[in-house]
C-alpha atoms as a PDB file:
ATOM      1  CA  MET A   1     -17.679   8.443  -7.156  1.00  0.00           C
ATOM      2  CA  ARG A   2     -19.291   5.042  -6.021  1.00  0.00           C
ATOM      3  CA  ALA A   3     -15.877   3.496  -5.399  1.00  0.00           C
ATOM      4  CA  GLY A   4     -14.712   6.528  -3.385  1.00  0.00           C
ATOM      5  CA  PHE A   5     -18.086   6.191  -1.190  1.00  0.00           C
ATOM      6  CA  PHE A   6     -17.438   2.559  -0.703  1.00  0.00           C
ATOM      7  CA  PHE A   7     -13.767   3.079   0.496  1.00  0.00           C
ATOM      8  CA  ILE A   8     -14.809   5.980   2.994  1.00  0.00           C
ATOM      9  CA  LEU A   9     -17.830   3.897   4.285  1.00  0.00           C
ATOM     10  CA  SER A  10     -15.318   1.076   4.884  1.00  0.00           C
ATOM     11  CA  LEU A  11     -13.028   3.507   6.802  1.00  0.00           C
ATOM     12  CA  VAL A  12     -15.857   4.752   8.997  1.00  0.00           C
ATOM     13  CA  PHE A  13     -16.683   1.168   9.650  1.00  0.00           C
ATOM     14  CA  VAL A  14     -13.135   0.441  10.580  1.00  0.00           C
ATOM     15  CA  SER A  15     -12.609   3.329  12.711  1.00  0.00           C
ATOM     16  CA  CYS A  16     -15.705   2.584  14.797  1.00  0.00           C
ATOM     17  CA  GLY A  17     -14.366  -0.733  15.771  1.00  0.00           C
ATOM     18  CA  LYS A  18     -12.055  -2.055  18.418  1.00  0.00           C
ATOM     19  CA  GLU A  19      -8.503  -0.850  17.771  1.00  0.00           C
ATOM     20  CA  VAL A  20      -6.240  -3.535  16.827  1.00  0.00           C
ATOM     21  CA  ALA A  21      -3.111  -4.187  18.816  1.00  0.00           C
ATOM     22  CA  PHE A  22       0.309  -4.111  17.089  1.00  0.00           C
ATOM     23  CA  THR A  23       0.961  -7.784  16.525  1.00  0.00           C
ATOM     24  CA  GLU A  24       3.499  -9.949  14.964  1.00  0.00           C
ATOM     25  CA  MET A  25       1.829  -9.380  11.603  1.00  0.00           C
ATOM     26  CA  ASP A  26       2.425  -5.734  11.887  1.00  0.00           C
ATOM     27  CA  ASN A  27       5.936  -6.253  12.827  1.00  0.00           C
ATOM     28  CA  ALA A  28       6.636  -8.277   9.899  1.00  0.00           C
ATOM     29  CA  LEU A  29       4.690  -5.962   7.537  1.00  0.00           C
ATOM     30  CA  THR A  30       6.915  -2.867   8.782  1.00  0.00           C
ATOM     31  CA  GLY A  31       9.657  -1.964   6.661  1.00  0.00           C
ATOM     32  CA  ASN A  32      10.435  -1.505   2.805  1.00  0.00           C
ATOM     33  CA  TRP A  33       8.842  -3.681   0.131  1.00  0.00           C
ATOM     34  CA  ILE A  34      10.314  -3.618  -3.328  1.00  0.00           C
ATOM     35  CA  ASN A  35      10.189  -5.517  -6.682  1.00  0.00           C
ATOM     36  CA  PRO A  36       6.237  -5.594  -7.082  1.00  0.00           C
ATOM     37  CA  THR A  37       5.290  -8.266  -9.554  1.00  0.00           C
ATOM     38  CA  TYR A  38       1.485  -8.556 -10.351  1.00  0.00           C
ATOM     39  CA  HIS A  39      -0.111 -11.814 -11.115  1.00  0.00           C
ATOM     40  CA  GLU A  40      -3.485 -13.285 -12.152  1.00  0.00           C
ATOM     41  CA  GLU A  41      -6.503 -11.965 -10.111  1.00  0.00           C
ATOM     42  CA  SER A  42      -5.012  -8.907  -8.788  1.00  0.00           C
ATOM     43  CA  ILE A  43      -2.390 -10.663  -6.810  1.00  0.00           C
ATOM     44  CA  LEU A  44       0.560  -8.437  -5.905  1.00  0.00           C
ATOM     45  CA  ILE A  45       3.735  -9.926  -4.702  1.00  0.00           C
ATOM     46  CA  LEU A  46       6.699  -7.802  -2.860  1.00  0.00           C
ATOM     47  CA  ASP A  47      10.025  -8.624  -1.418  1.00  0.00           C
ATOM     48  CA  LYS A  48      11.136  -7.228   1.879  1.00  0.00           C
ATOM     49  CA  SER A  49      14.341  -4.941   1.579  1.00  0.00           C
ATOM     50  CA  ASN A  50      16.525  -2.773   3.871  1.00  0.00           C
ATOM     51  CA  GLU A  51      15.798   0.190   1.651  1.00  0.00           C
ATOM     52  CA  LEU A  52      13.848   1.207  -1.163  1.00  0.00           C
ATOM     53  CA  LYS A  53      15.723   1.214  -4.513  1.00  0.00           C
ATOM     54  CA  LYS A  54      16.284   4.619  -6.578  1.00  0.00           C
ATOM     55  CA  ASN A  55      13.984   5.116  -9.284  1.00  0.00           C
ATOM     56  CA  GLU A  56      12.141   1.725  -8.716  1.00  0.00           C
ATOM     57  CA  TYR A  57       8.784   1.199  -7.324  1.00  0.00           C
ATOM     58  CA  GLY A  58       8.420   0.278  -3.693  1.00  0.00           C
ATOM     59  CA  TYR A  59       6.550   0.887  -0.555  1.00  0.00           C
ATOM     60  CA  THR A  60       7.319   1.533   3.114  1.00  0.00           C
ATOM     61  CA  PHE A  61       5.060   0.744   5.904  1.00  0.00           C
ATOM     62  CA  LYS A  62       6.249   2.720   8.945  1.00  0.00           C
ATOM     63  CA  ARG A  63       5.059   1.336  12.599  1.00  0.00           C
ATOM     64  CA  ASP A  64       3.317   4.639  13.446  1.00  0.00           C
ATOM     65  CA  GLY A  65       1.080   4.166  10.643  1.00  0.00           C
ATOM     66  CA  ARG A  66       2.823   6.378   7.993  1.00  0.00           C
ATOM     67  CA  PHE A  67       2.963   4.956   4.589  1.00  0.00           C
ATOM     68  CA  ILE A  68       5.540   5.833   1.663  1.00  0.00           C
ATOM     69  CA  ALA A  69       4.853   4.887  -1.878  1.00  0.00           C
ATOM     70  CA  ARG A  70       7.793   5.151  -4.256  1.00  0.00           C
ATOM     71  CA  ILE A  71       6.021   5.282  -7.538  1.00  0.00           C
ATOM     72  CA  TYR A  72       6.612   7.255 -10.996  1.00  0.00           C
ATOM     73  CA  ALA A  73       6.930  10.876 -10.762  1.00  0.00           C
ATOM     74  CA  GLY A  74       6.100  11.801 -14.351  1.00  0.00           C
ATOM     75  CA  PHE A  75       3.216  11.569 -16.764  1.00  0.00           C
ATOM     76  CA  CYS A  76       5.093   9.268 -19.170  1.00  0.00           C
ATOM     77  CA  GLY A  77       5.586   5.597 -18.419  1.00  0.00           C
ATOM     78  CA  THR A  78       8.481   5.191 -20.848  1.00  0.00           C
ATOM     79  CA  PRO A  79      12.139   4.802 -19.800  1.00  0.00           C
ATOM     80  CA  PRO A  80      13.815   6.379 -18.160  1.00  0.00           C
ATOM     81  CA  ILE A  81      11.374   6.200 -15.302  1.00  0.00           C
ATOM     82  CA  THR A  82      11.828   8.739 -12.464  1.00  0.00           C
ATOM     83  CA  THR A  83      10.065   8.189  -9.140  1.00  0.00           C
ATOM     84  CA  ASN A  84       8.994  10.102  -6.210  1.00  0.00           C
ATOM     85  CA  ASP A  85       8.183   9.393  -2.634  1.00  0.00           C
ATOM     86  CA  TYR A  86       4.642  10.082  -1.790  1.00  0.00           C
ATOM     87  CA  LYS A  87       3.400  10.073   1.851  1.00  0.00           C
ATOM     88  CA  GLY A  88       0.516   8.592   3.080  1.00  0.00           C
ATOM     89  CA  THR A  89      -0.892   6.370   5.970  1.00  0.00           C
ATOM     90  CA  TRP A  90      -2.053   2.775   6.443  1.00  0.00           C
ATOM     91  CA  THR A  91      -4.086   0.936   8.857  1.00  0.00           C
ATOM     92  CA  ARG A  92      -4.687  -2.887   9.374  1.00  0.00           C
ATOM     93  CA  VAL A  93      -8.026  -4.750  10.434  1.00  0.00           C
ATOM     94  CA  ASP A  94      -7.504  -8.483  10.525  1.00  0.00           C
ATOM     95  CA  SER A  95      -5.862  -9.392   7.363  1.00  0.00           C
ATOM     96  CA  THR A  96      -7.001  -6.204   5.270  1.00  0.00           C
ATOM     97  CA  LEU A  97      -4.783  -3.114   4.655  1.00  0.00           C
ATOM     98  CA  PHE A  98      -6.316   0.232   4.106  1.00  0.00           C
ATOM     99  CA  ILE A  99      -4.073   2.675   2.427  1.00  0.00           C
ATOM    100  CA  GLN A 100      -4.506   6.207   1.620  1.00  0.00           C
ATOM    101  CA  VAL A 101      -1.561   8.175  -0.205  1.00  0.00           C
ATOM    102  CA  ASP A 102      -1.135  11.364  -2.139  1.00  0.00           C
ATOM    103  CA  TYR A 103       0.613  10.999  -5.644  1.00  0.00           C
ATOM    104  CA  ARG A 104       1.299  13.297  -8.406  1.00  0.00           C
ATOM    105  CA  ALA A 105      -2.194  13.597  -9.655  1.00  0.00           C
ATOM    106  CA  GLY A 106      -4.238  13.524  -6.444  1.00  0.00           C
ATOM    107  CA  GLN A 107      -4.938  10.885  -3.879  1.00  0.00           C
ATOM    108  CA  ALA A 108      -5.033   7.099  -4.034  1.00  0.00           C
ATOM    109  CA  MET A 109      -6.905   4.779  -1.940  1.00  0.00           C
ATOM    110  CA  TYR A 110      -6.312   0.895  -1.758  1.00  0.00           C
ATOM    111  CA  ARG A 111      -7.591  -2.003   0.134  1.00  0.00           C
ATOM    112  CA  TRP A 112      -5.241  -4.991   0.168  1.00  0.00           C
ATOM    113  CA  ARG A 113      -6.116  -8.523   1.666  1.00  0.00           C
ATOM    114  CA  ILE A 114      -3.074 -10.139   2.927  1.00  0.00           C
ATOM    115  CA  LEU A 115      -2.878 -13.571   1.418  1.00  0.00           C
ATOM    116  CA  SER A 116       0.577 -14.362   3.059  1.00  0.00           C
ATOM    117  CA  LEU A 117       3.327 -12.425   4.818  1.00  0.00           C
ATOM    118  CA  SER A 118       6.719 -13.570   5.969  1.00  0.00           C
ATOM    119  CA  ASN A 119       9.920 -11.590   7.057  1.00  0.00           C
ATOM    120  CA  SER A 120      10.877 -11.748   3.271  1.00  0.00           C
ATOM    121  CA  GLN A 121       7.638 -11.606   1.068  1.00  0.00           C
ATOM    122  CA  LEU A 122       4.147 -10.046   1.013  1.00  0.00           C
ATOM    123  CA  LYS A 123       1.680 -11.519  -1.104  1.00  0.00           C
ATOM    124  CA  VAL A 124      -1.623  -9.465  -1.224  1.00  0.00           C
ATOM    125  CA  ARG A 125      -4.850  -9.383  -3.479  1.00  0.00           C
ATOM    126  CA  VAL A 126      -5.584  -5.744  -4.487  1.00  0.00           C
ATOM    127  CA  GLU A 127      -9.482  -5.729  -3.616  1.00  0.00           C
ATOM    128  CA  PHE A 128      -9.820  -2.104  -4.207  1.00  0.00           C
ATOM    129  CA  ALA A 129      -7.760   0.828  -5.954  1.00  0.00           C
ATOM    130  CA  ASN A 130      -9.168   4.133  -6.645  1.00  0.00           C
ATOM    131  CA  TYR A 131      -7.157   7.221  -8.162  1.00  0.00           C
ATOM    132  CA  GLY A 132      -8.609  10.554  -7.258  1.00  0.00           C
ATOM    133  CA  PHE A 133      -7.392  13.303  -9.670  1.00  0.00           C
END
């Protein structure tokens, strides 16, 4: 509950601030991101792709603020894994991404800090992840 309050408070703070114009960073960010790999200290690295792969994890950032998370659809994490596309939204303030997305058991909220971004790779620190049931 405390984590949800913190995330909502962050969104209120962000929504009261000045709207950020679409920038080169946003242009590099929009598109499909696949091959998620997790590293020490909550580091997530993704590769840019023309499309999401069938039954593999991936994310899509759309220019209009829509977000798609292709994540597992079932309750069991053993192969064969099937995925589903879950819809949500994203916003960026400076180097921080705020993501809210529905998924099979409720709604997830993330706060990712962009560590590096190119036209081929996105590296973020997952600062906050909350899965509401």
